[in-house]
């Protein structure tokens, strides 16, 4: 078992970060007889996964969802890790697809800001799409159609 200071040092994060991750349910600690936090060594791997996911732009809520099948106080087995990796791959591919679409349309719509009713994929006269959801409804719908045809 490792102390909070040892984990912070080895993981390259602050003690406050560990407390925050614990509060968010991303990691778990046991308590010593003196009521001090103690972490199993496998928490270092979990923190590394969290940090890499954050570096890739995932929010803590997204990370928590991807880690949900693996309670923070349990080391996943090989099959569980494979399932987790499959979920992460799908989430990463969705992010790549969205970024690719943004890159390819950036100069046409966002770049000029004209929102041309003739050519703009974001066209939404009279805000008729408000009933279909929030955000870029047409772009999201187009992505769902593309995924269905894949």
N, C-alpha and C. Protein backbone atom coordinates (compact mmCIF):
# COMPACT_ATOMS: atom_id res chain seq x y z
N UNK A 1 0.84 -1.18 0.00
CA UNK A 1 0.00 0.00 0.00
C UNK A 1 0.88 1.24 0.00
N UNK A 2 0.40 2.27 -0.69
CA UNK A 2 1.15 3.52 -0.82
C UNK A 2 0.41 4.65 -0.13
N UNK A 3 1.16 5.57 0.43
CA UNK A 3 0.55 6.75 1.04
C UNK A 3 0.13 7.72 -0.06
N UNK A 4 -0.66 8.70 0.30
CA UNK A 4 -1.11 9.70 -0.66
C UNK A 4 0.08 10.47 -1.23
N UNK A 5 1.07 10.76 -0.41
CA UNK A 5 2.26 11.46 -0.87
C UNK A 5 3.07 10.62 -1.85
N UNK A 6 3.19 9.34 -1.56
CA UNK A 6 3.92 8.44 -2.46
C UNK A 6 3.23 8.34 -3.82
N UNK A 7 1.92 8.20 -3.80
CA UNK A 7 1.17 8.10 -5.05
C UNK A 7 1.30 9.40 -5.84
N UNK A 8 1.15 10.52 -5.18
CA UNK A 8 1.26 11.82 -5.85
C UNK A 8 2.63 11.95 -6.50
N UNK A 9 3.67 11.60 -5.77
CA UNK A 9 5.03 11.71 -6.30
C UNK A 9 5.23 10.77 -7.49
N UNK A 10 4.85 9.51 -7.34
CA UNK A 10 5.06 8.51 -8.40
C UNK A 10 4.22 8.80 -9.63
N UNK A 11 3.00 9.34 -9.44
CA UNK A 11 2.10 9.60 -10.57
C UNK A 11 2.35 10.97 -11.20
N UNK A 12 3.09 11.82 -10.51
CA UNK A 12 3.37 13.15 -11.05
C UNK A 12 2.18 14.08 -10.97
N UNK A 13 1.36 13.90 -9.94
CA UNK A 13 0.20 14.77 -9.73
C UNK A 13 0.27 15.31 -8.30
N UNK A 14 -0.58 16.27 -8.02
CA UNK A 14 -0.62 16.82 -6.67
C UNK A 14 -1.53 15.97 -5.78
N UNK A 15 -1.35 16.12 -4.49
CA UNK A 15 -2.23 15.45 -3.53
C UNK A 15 -3.67 15.92 -3.75
N UNK A 16 -3.84 17.20 -4.04
CA UNK A 16 -5.19 17.73 -4.30
C UNK A 16 -5.83 17.05 -5.50
N UNK A 17 -5.02 16.74 -6.52
CA UNK A 17 -5.55 16.03 -7.69
C UNK A 17 -6.04 14.64 -7.29
N UNK A 18 -5.29 13.95 -6.46
CA UNK A 18 -5.71 12.63 -5.99
C UNK A 18 -7.02 12.72 -5.23
N UNK A 19 -7.13 13.69 -4.36
CA UNK A 19 -8.37 13.87 -3.60
C UNK A 19 -9.53 14.16 -4.55
N UNK A 20 -9.27 14.98 -5.57
CA UNK A 20 -10.31 15.32 -6.55
C UNK A 20 -10.73 14.07 -7.33
N UNK A 21 -9.77 13.28 -7.80
CA UNK A 21 -10.09 12.04 -8.52
C UNK A 21 -10.90 11.10 -7.63
N UNK A 22 -10.52 11.04 -6.37
CA UNK A 22 -11.24 10.18 -5.43
C UNK A 22 -12.68 10.67 -5.24
N UNK A 23 -12.83 11.98 -5.10
CA UNK A 23 -14.16 12.56 -4.92
C UNK A 23 -15.04 12.28 -6.14
N UNK A 24 -14.43 12.27 -7.33
CA UNK A 24 -15.17 12.00 -8.57
C UNK A 24 -15.38 10.51 -8.81
N UNK A 25 -14.84 9.65 -7.93
CA UNK A 25 -15.02 8.22 -8.08
C UNK A 25 -14.11 7.56 -9.09
N UNK A 26 -13.05 8.27 -9.50
CA UNK A 26 -12.12 7.72 -10.49
C UNK A 26 -11.10 6.79 -9.86
N UNK A 27 -10.74 7.06 -8.61
CA UNK A 27 -9.82 6.20 -7.87
C UNK A 27 -10.41 5.99 -6.48
N UNK A 28 -9.85 5.00 -5.77
CA UNK A 28 -10.33 4.72 -4.42
C UNK A 28 -9.15 4.52 -3.48
N UNK A 29 -9.35 4.89 -2.25
CA UNK A 29 -8.34 4.71 -1.21
C UNK A 29 -8.95 3.96 -0.05
N UNK A 30 -8.11 3.26 0.66
CA UNK A 30 -8.51 2.65 1.92
C UNK A 30 -8.03 3.58 3.02
N UNK A 31 -8.48 3.35 4.22
CA UNK A 31 -8.04 4.16 5.36
C UNK A 31 -7.24 3.29 6.32
N UNK A 32 -6.14 3.84 6.78
CA UNK A 32 -5.30 3.13 7.76
C UNK A 32 -5.96 3.25 9.13
N UNK A 33 -5.41 2.57 10.10
CA UNK A 33 -5.94 2.66 11.46
C UNK A 33 -5.86 4.08 11.99
N UNK A 34 -4.94 4.87 11.45
CA UNK A 34 -4.81 6.27 11.83
C UNK A 34 -5.63 7.19 10.93
N UNK A 35 -6.53 6.61 10.12
CA UNK A 35 -7.43 7.32 9.21
C UNK A 35 -6.69 8.05 8.08
N UNK A 36 -5.54 7.52 7.69
CA UNK A 36 -4.80 8.09 6.56
C UNK A 36 -5.13 7.30 5.30
N UNK A 37 -5.14 8.00 4.17
CA UNK A 37 -5.41 7.34 2.90
C UNK A 37 -4.26 6.40 2.54
N UNK A 38 -4.63 5.23 2.04
CA UNK A 38 -3.67 4.26 1.52
C UNK A 38 -4.20 3.74 0.19
N UNK A 39 -3.32 3.66 -0.79
CA UNK A 39 -3.70 3.24 -2.13
C UNK A 39 -2.98 1.96 -2.51
N UNK A 40 -3.70 1.09 -3.22
CA UNK A 40 -3.07 -0.09 -3.80
C UNK A 40 -2.17 0.38 -4.94
N UNK A 41 -1.13 -0.36 -5.24
CA UNK A 41 -0.17 0.06 -6.28
C UNK A 41 -0.81 0.19 -7.65
N UNK A 42 -1.86 -0.58 -7.92
CA UNK A 42 -2.47 -0.51 -9.26
C UNK A 42 -3.18 0.83 -9.51
N UNK A 43 -3.31 1.67 -8.48
CA UNK A 43 -3.89 3.00 -8.68
C UNK A 43 -2.99 3.83 -9.60
N UNK A 44 -1.70 3.53 -9.61
CA UNK A 44 -0.77 4.26 -10.48
C UNK A 44 -1.12 4.06 -11.95
N UNK A 45 -1.48 2.83 -12.31
CA UNK A 45 -1.89 2.55 -13.69
C UNK A 45 -3.19 3.28 -14.02
N UNK A 46 -4.10 3.27 -13.09
CA UNK A 46 -5.39 3.94 -13.30
C UNK A 46 -5.19 5.45 -13.48
N UNK A 47 -4.33 6.04 -12.67
CA UNK A 47 -4.05 7.47 -12.80
C UNK A 47 -3.39 7.76 -14.15
N UNK A 48 -2.49 6.88 -14.57
CA UNK A 48 -1.84 7.07 -15.87
C UNK A 48 -2.89 7.06 -16.99
N UNK A 49 -3.85 6.16 -16.91
CA UNK A 49 -4.92 6.09 -17.91
C UNK A 49 -5.73 7.38 -17.90
N UNK A 50 -6.06 7.86 -16.72
CA UNK A 50 -6.84 9.10 -16.58
C UNK A 50 -6.07 10.26 -17.20
N UNK A 51 -4.78 10.36 -16.89
CA UNK A 51 -3.97 11.48 -17.39
C UNK A 51 -3.84 11.44 -18.91
N UNK A 52 -3.63 10.26 -19.47
CA UNK A 52 -3.52 10.14 -20.94
C UNK A 52 -4.84 10.54 -21.58
N UNK A 53 -5.95 10.07 -21.01
CA UNK A 53 -7.26 10.43 -21.56
C UNK A 53 -7.50 11.93 -21.49
N UNK A 54 -7.08 12.56 -20.39
CA UNK A 54 -7.22 14.01 -20.29
C UNK A 54 -6.37 14.70 -21.34
N UNK A 55 -5.16 14.19 -21.57
CA UNK A 55 -4.29 14.78 -22.59
C UNK A 55 -4.90 14.65 -23.99
N UNK A 56 -5.71 13.61 -24.20
CA UNK A 56 -6.39 13.42 -25.48
C UNK A 56 -7.65 14.26 -25.60
N UNK A 57 -7.98 15.00 -24.54
CA UNK A 57 -9.12 15.90 -24.59
C UNK A 57 -10.40 15.36 -24.01
N UNK A 58 -10.36 14.18 -23.39
CA UNK A 58 -11.56 13.65 -22.76
C UNK A 58 -11.84 14.39 -21.46
N UNK A 59 -13.09 14.65 -21.21
CA UNK A 59 -13.48 15.27 -19.93
C UNK A 59 -13.47 14.20 -18.84
N UNK A 60 -13.45 14.64 -17.59
CA UNK A 60 -13.49 13.67 -16.50
C UNK A 60 -14.79 12.88 -16.51
N UNK A 61 -15.88 13.49 -16.96
CA UNK A 61 -17.15 12.76 -17.05
C UNK A 61 -17.05 11.64 -18.09
N UNK A 62 -16.41 11.94 -19.22
CA UNK A 62 -16.23 10.91 -20.25
C UNK A 62 -15.30 9.81 -19.76
N UNK A 63 -14.25 10.19 -19.06
CA UNK A 63 -13.32 9.20 -18.51
C UNK A 63 -14.03 8.32 -17.50
N UNK A 64 -14.83 8.93 -16.64
CA UNK A 64 -15.57 8.15 -15.65
C UNK A 64 -16.50 7.15 -16.33
N UNK A 65 -17.15 7.57 -17.41
CA UNK A 65 -18.04 6.66 -18.13
C UNK A 65 -17.27 5.49 -18.74
N UNK A 66 -16.10 5.78 -19.31
CA UNK A 66 -15.30 4.72 -19.91
C UNK A 66 -14.71 3.78 -18.85
N UNK A 67 -14.47 4.29 -17.65
CA UNK A 67 -13.94 3.46 -16.57
C UNK A 67 -15.02 2.80 -15.73
N UNK A 68 -16.28 3.16 -15.95
CA UNK A 68 -17.38 2.69 -15.11
C UNK A 68 -17.41 1.17 -14.92
N UNK A 69 -17.14 0.38 -15.96
CA UNK A 69 -17.19 -1.08 -15.75
C UNK A 69 -16.12 -1.61 -14.78
N UNK A 70 -15.17 -0.77 -14.43
CA UNK A 70 -14.06 -1.21 -13.59
C UNK A 70 -14.01 -0.40 -12.31
N UNK A 71 -14.59 -0.90 -11.25
CA UNK A 71 -14.58 -0.15 -9.99
C UNK A 71 -13.15 0.23 -9.60
N UNK A 72 -12.97 1.41 -9.02
CA UNK A 72 -11.63 1.89 -8.70
C UNK A 72 -10.90 1.04 -7.67
N UNK A 73 -11.61 0.19 -6.95
CA UNK A 73 -10.95 -0.64 -5.93
C UNK A 73 -10.69 -2.05 -6.43
N UNK A 74 -10.80 -2.28 -7.75
CA UNK A 74 -10.62 -3.61 -8.31
C UNK A 74 -9.70 -3.53 -9.52
N UNK A 75 -8.74 -4.43 -9.60
CA UNK A 75 -7.86 -4.51 -10.76
C UNK A 75 -8.57 -5.31 -11.84
N UNK A 76 -8.75 -4.73 -13.05
CA UNK A 76 -9.46 -5.46 -14.10
C UNK A 76 -8.62 -6.62 -14.63
N UNK A 77 -9.33 -7.70 -15.04
CA UNK A 77 -8.62 -8.82 -15.65
C UNK A 77 -8.42 -8.55 -17.14
N UNK A 78 -7.80 -9.49 -17.84
CA UNK A 78 -7.46 -9.30 -19.25
C UNK A 78 -8.70 -9.04 -20.10
N UNK A 79 -9.77 -9.78 -19.87
CA UNK A 79 -11.00 -9.61 -20.65
C UNK A 79 -11.63 -8.25 -20.40
N UNK A 80 -11.60 -7.80 -19.16
CA UNK A 80 -12.15 -6.49 -18.84
C UNK A 80 -11.33 -5.37 -19.47
N UNK A 81 -10.02 -5.54 -19.51
CA UNK A 81 -9.17 -4.53 -20.14
C UNK A 81 -9.47 -4.47 -21.63
N UNK A 82 -9.65 -5.62 -22.27
CA UNK A 82 -9.98 -5.63 -23.70
C UNK A 82 -11.31 -4.92 -23.96
N UNK A 83 -12.29 -5.13 -23.10
CA UNK A 83 -13.59 -4.46 -23.24
C UNK A 83 -13.42 -2.95 -23.07
N UNK A 84 -12.59 -2.55 -22.11
CA UNK A 84 -12.36 -1.14 -21.89
C UNK A 84 -11.68 -0.52 -23.12
N UNK A 85 -10.69 -1.21 -23.66
CA UNK A 85 -9.97 -0.70 -24.83
C UNK A 85 -10.92 -0.54 -26.01
N UNK A 86 -11.84 -1.49 -26.20
CA UNK A 86 -12.82 -1.39 -27.29
C UNK A 86 -13.68 -0.14 -27.12
N UNK A 87 -14.10 0.15 -25.90
CA UNK A 87 -14.88 1.36 -25.64
C UNK A 87 -14.08 2.62 -25.91
N UNK A 88 -12.83 2.62 -25.52
CA UNK A 88 -11.97 3.77 -25.75
C UNK A 88 -11.72 3.96 -27.23
N UNK A 89 -11.53 2.86 -27.97
CA UNK A 89 -11.30 2.98 -29.41
C UNK A 89 -12.51 3.61 -30.10
N UNK A 90 -13.69 3.19 -29.70
CA UNK A 90 -14.91 3.76 -30.29
C UNK A 90 -15.02 5.24 -29.96
N UNK A 91 -14.73 5.60 -28.73
CA UNK A 91 -14.79 7.02 -28.33
C UNK A 91 -13.73 7.84 -29.07
N UNK A 92 -12.54 7.28 -29.22
CA UNK A 92 -11.49 7.99 -29.95
C UNK A 92 -11.84 8.15 -31.43
N UNK A 93 -12.42 7.09 -32.03
CA UNK A 93 -12.79 7.18 -33.44
C UNK A 93 -13.87 8.24 -33.65
N UNK A 94 -14.83 8.31 -32.74
CA UNK A 94 -15.88 9.34 -32.84
C UNK A 94 -15.25 10.73 -32.76
N UNK A 95 -14.27 10.88 -31.88
CA UNK A 95 -13.58 12.17 -31.74
C UNK A 95 -12.79 12.49 -33.01
N UNK A 96 -12.11 11.50 -33.57
CA UNK A 96 -11.34 11.69 -34.81
C UNK A 96 -12.28 12.08 -35.94
N UNK A 97 -13.41 11.38 -36.06
CA UNK A 97 -14.38 11.70 -37.12
C UNK A 97 -14.89 13.13 -36.99
N UNK A 98 -15.20 13.52 -35.76
CA UNK A 98 -15.69 14.89 -35.54
C UNK A 98 -14.64 15.93 -35.87
N UNK A 99 -13.40 15.67 -35.47
CA UNK A 99 -12.32 16.62 -35.76
C UNK A 99 -12.03 16.68 -37.26
N UNK A 100 -12.10 15.55 -37.94
CA UNK A 100 -11.89 15.53 -39.38
C UNK A 100 -12.98 16.34 -40.09
N UNK A 101 -14.21 16.15 -39.66
CA UNK A 101 -15.32 16.92 -40.25
C UNK A 101 -15.14 18.41 -39.99
N UNK A 102 -14.75 18.76 -38.78
CA UNK A 102 -14.51 20.16 -38.46
C UNK A 102 -13.39 20.73 -39.32
N UNK A 103 -12.30 19.98 -39.46
CA UNK A 103 -11.18 20.44 -40.29
C UNK A 103 -11.62 20.68 -41.73
N UNK A 104 -12.43 19.76 -42.25
CA UNK A 104 -12.82 19.84 -43.66
C UNK A 104 -13.86 20.92 -43.95
N UNK A 105 -14.59 21.37 -42.93
CA UNK A 105 -15.61 22.39 -43.16
C UNK A 105 -15.29 23.72 -42.50
N UNK A 106 -14.17 23.79 -41.82
CA UNK A 106 -13.83 24.97 -41.04
C UNK A 106 -13.78 26.24 -41.88
N UNK A 107 -13.11 26.18 -43.03
CA UNK A 107 -12.98 27.40 -43.82
C UNK A 107 -14.28 27.77 -44.52
N UNK A 108 -15.15 26.81 -44.80
CA UNK A 108 -16.39 27.10 -45.51
C UNK A 108 -17.45 27.73 -44.64
N UNK A 109 -17.57 27.32 -43.42
CA UNK A 109 -18.65 27.83 -42.57
C UNK A 109 -18.14 28.72 -41.45
N UNK A 110 -17.32 28.17 -40.62
CA UNK A 110 -16.85 28.93 -39.47
C UNK A 110 -15.89 30.02 -39.91
N UNK A 111 -15.06 29.72 -40.92
CA UNK A 111 -14.06 30.66 -41.38
C UNK A 111 -14.64 31.97 -41.88
N UNK A 112 -15.69 31.89 -42.72
CA UNK A 112 -16.23 33.14 -43.27
C UNK A 112 -17.37 33.68 -42.42
N UNK A 113 -18.07 32.82 -41.72
CA UNK A 113 -19.14 33.27 -40.85
C UNK A 113 -20.40 33.69 -41.57
N UNK A 114 -20.50 33.42 -42.88
CA UNK A 114 -21.66 33.91 -43.63
C UNK A 114 -22.91 33.07 -43.39
N UNK A 115 -22.75 31.82 -43.10
CA UNK A 115 -23.87 30.89 -42.94
C UNK A 115 -24.83 30.97 -44.13
N UNK A 116 -24.27 30.88 -45.31
CA UNK A 116 -25.03 30.95 -46.55
C UNK A 116 -26.16 29.94 -46.57
N UNK A 117 -27.38 30.38 -46.87
CA UNK A 117 -28.53 29.48 -46.91
C UNK A 117 -28.45 28.52 -48.09
N UNK A 118 -27.63 28.85 -49.09
CA UNK A 118 -27.53 27.99 -50.26
C UNK A 118 -26.56 26.83 -50.06
N UNK A 119 -25.44 27.08 -49.36
CA UNK A 119 -24.42 26.04 -49.28
C UNK A 119 -24.05 25.63 -47.85
N UNK A 120 -24.49 26.32 -46.86
CA UNK A 120 -24.04 26.05 -45.50
C UNK A 120 -24.76 24.84 -44.90
N UNK A 121 -23.99 23.86 -44.39
CA UNK A 121 -24.63 22.69 -43.77
C UNK A 121 -25.26 23.01 -42.42
N UNK A 122 -25.00 24.20 -41.91
CA UNK A 122 -25.59 24.58 -40.62
C UNK A 122 -26.87 25.39 -40.78
N UNK A 123 -27.33 25.56 -42.02
CA UNK A 123 -28.51 26.39 -42.29
C UNK A 123 -29.69 25.91 -41.45
N UNK A 124 -30.34 26.85 -40.83
CA UNK A 124 -31.45 26.53 -39.93
C UNK A 124 -32.43 27.70 -39.92
N UNK A 125 -33.14 27.91 -41.03
CA UNK A 125 -34.06 29.05 -41.09
C UNK A 125 -35.10 29.00 -39.98
N UNK A 126 -35.34 30.12 -39.38
CA UNK A 126 -36.36 30.28 -38.33
C UNK A 126 -36.16 29.34 -37.14
N UNK A 127 -34.95 28.84 -36.99
CA UNK A 127 -34.61 27.96 -35.87
C UNK A 127 -35.54 26.74 -35.80
N UNK A 128 -35.87 26.18 -36.95
CA UNK A 128 -36.78 25.02 -36.99
C UNK A 128 -36.17 23.78 -36.35
N UNK A 129 -34.87 23.72 -36.25
CA UNK A 129 -34.23 22.54 -35.68
C UNK A 129 -34.21 22.55 -34.15
N UNK A 130 -34.67 23.61 -33.55
CA UNK A 130 -34.65 23.71 -32.09
C UNK A 130 -35.41 22.56 -31.44
N UNK A 131 -36.42 22.04 -32.12
CA UNK A 131 -37.22 20.95 -31.56
C UNK A 131 -36.50 19.61 -31.65
N UNK A 132 -35.41 19.54 -32.43
CA UNK A 132 -34.71 18.27 -32.63
C UNK A 132 -33.49 18.10 -31.73
N UNK A 133 -33.18 19.09 -30.94
CA UNK A 133 -32.05 18.95 -30.03
C UNK A 133 -31.23 20.21 -29.94
N UNK A 134 -30.16 20.10 -29.18
CA UNK A 134 -29.28 21.25 -28.95
C UNK A 134 -28.02 21.11 -29.78
N UNK A 135 -27.40 22.22 -30.08
CA UNK A 135 -26.11 22.21 -30.77
C UNK A 135 -26.26 22.07 -32.26
N UNK A 136 -25.22 21.54 -32.88
CA UNK A 136 -25.16 21.42 -34.34
C UNK A 136 -25.94 20.19 -34.79
N UNK A 137 -27.26 20.30 -34.79
CA UNK A 137 -28.14 19.18 -35.06
C UNK A 137 -27.91 18.60 -36.45
N UNK A 138 -27.76 19.45 -37.47
CA UNK A 138 -27.56 18.96 -38.83
C UNK A 138 -26.25 18.19 -38.96
N UNK A 139 -25.20 18.71 -38.37
CA UNK A 139 -23.92 18.01 -38.45
C UNK A 139 -23.98 16.68 -37.71
N UNK A 140 -24.63 16.65 -36.55
CA UNK A 140 -24.75 15.41 -35.80
C UNK A 140 -25.59 14.40 -36.56
N UNK A 141 -26.67 14.86 -37.20
CA UNK A 141 -27.53 13.98 -37.98
C UNK A 141 -26.75 13.43 -39.17
N UNK A 142 -25.98 14.27 -39.83
CA UNK A 142 -25.16 13.82 -40.95
C UNK A 142 -24.16 12.77 -40.53
N UNK A 143 -23.58 12.94 -39.35
CA UNK A 143 -22.62 11.96 -38.84
C UNK A 143 -23.32 10.64 -38.55
N UNK A 144 -24.54 10.67 -37.98
CA UNK A 144 -25.27 9.44 -37.70
C UNK A 144 -25.60 8.71 -39.00
N UNK A 145 -25.97 9.47 -40.04
CA UNK A 145 -26.27 8.85 -41.33
C UNK A 145 -25.01 8.20 -41.91
N UNK A 146 -23.88 8.90 -41.84
CA UNK A 146 -22.61 8.34 -42.33
C UNK A 146 -22.26 7.07 -41.58
N UNK A 147 -22.45 7.05 -40.25
CA UNK A 147 -22.14 5.88 -39.46
C UNK A 147 -23.04 4.71 -39.82
N UNK A 148 -24.30 4.99 -40.11
CA UNK A 148 -25.25 3.93 -40.47
C UNK A 148 -24.85 3.28 -41.80
N UNK A 149 -24.26 4.05 -42.70
CA UNK A 149 -23.86 3.52 -44.00
C UNK A 149 -22.50 2.84 -43.96
N UNK A 150 -21.77 2.98 -42.86
CA UNK A 150 -20.43 2.39 -42.75
C UNK A 150 -20.50 0.92 -42.45
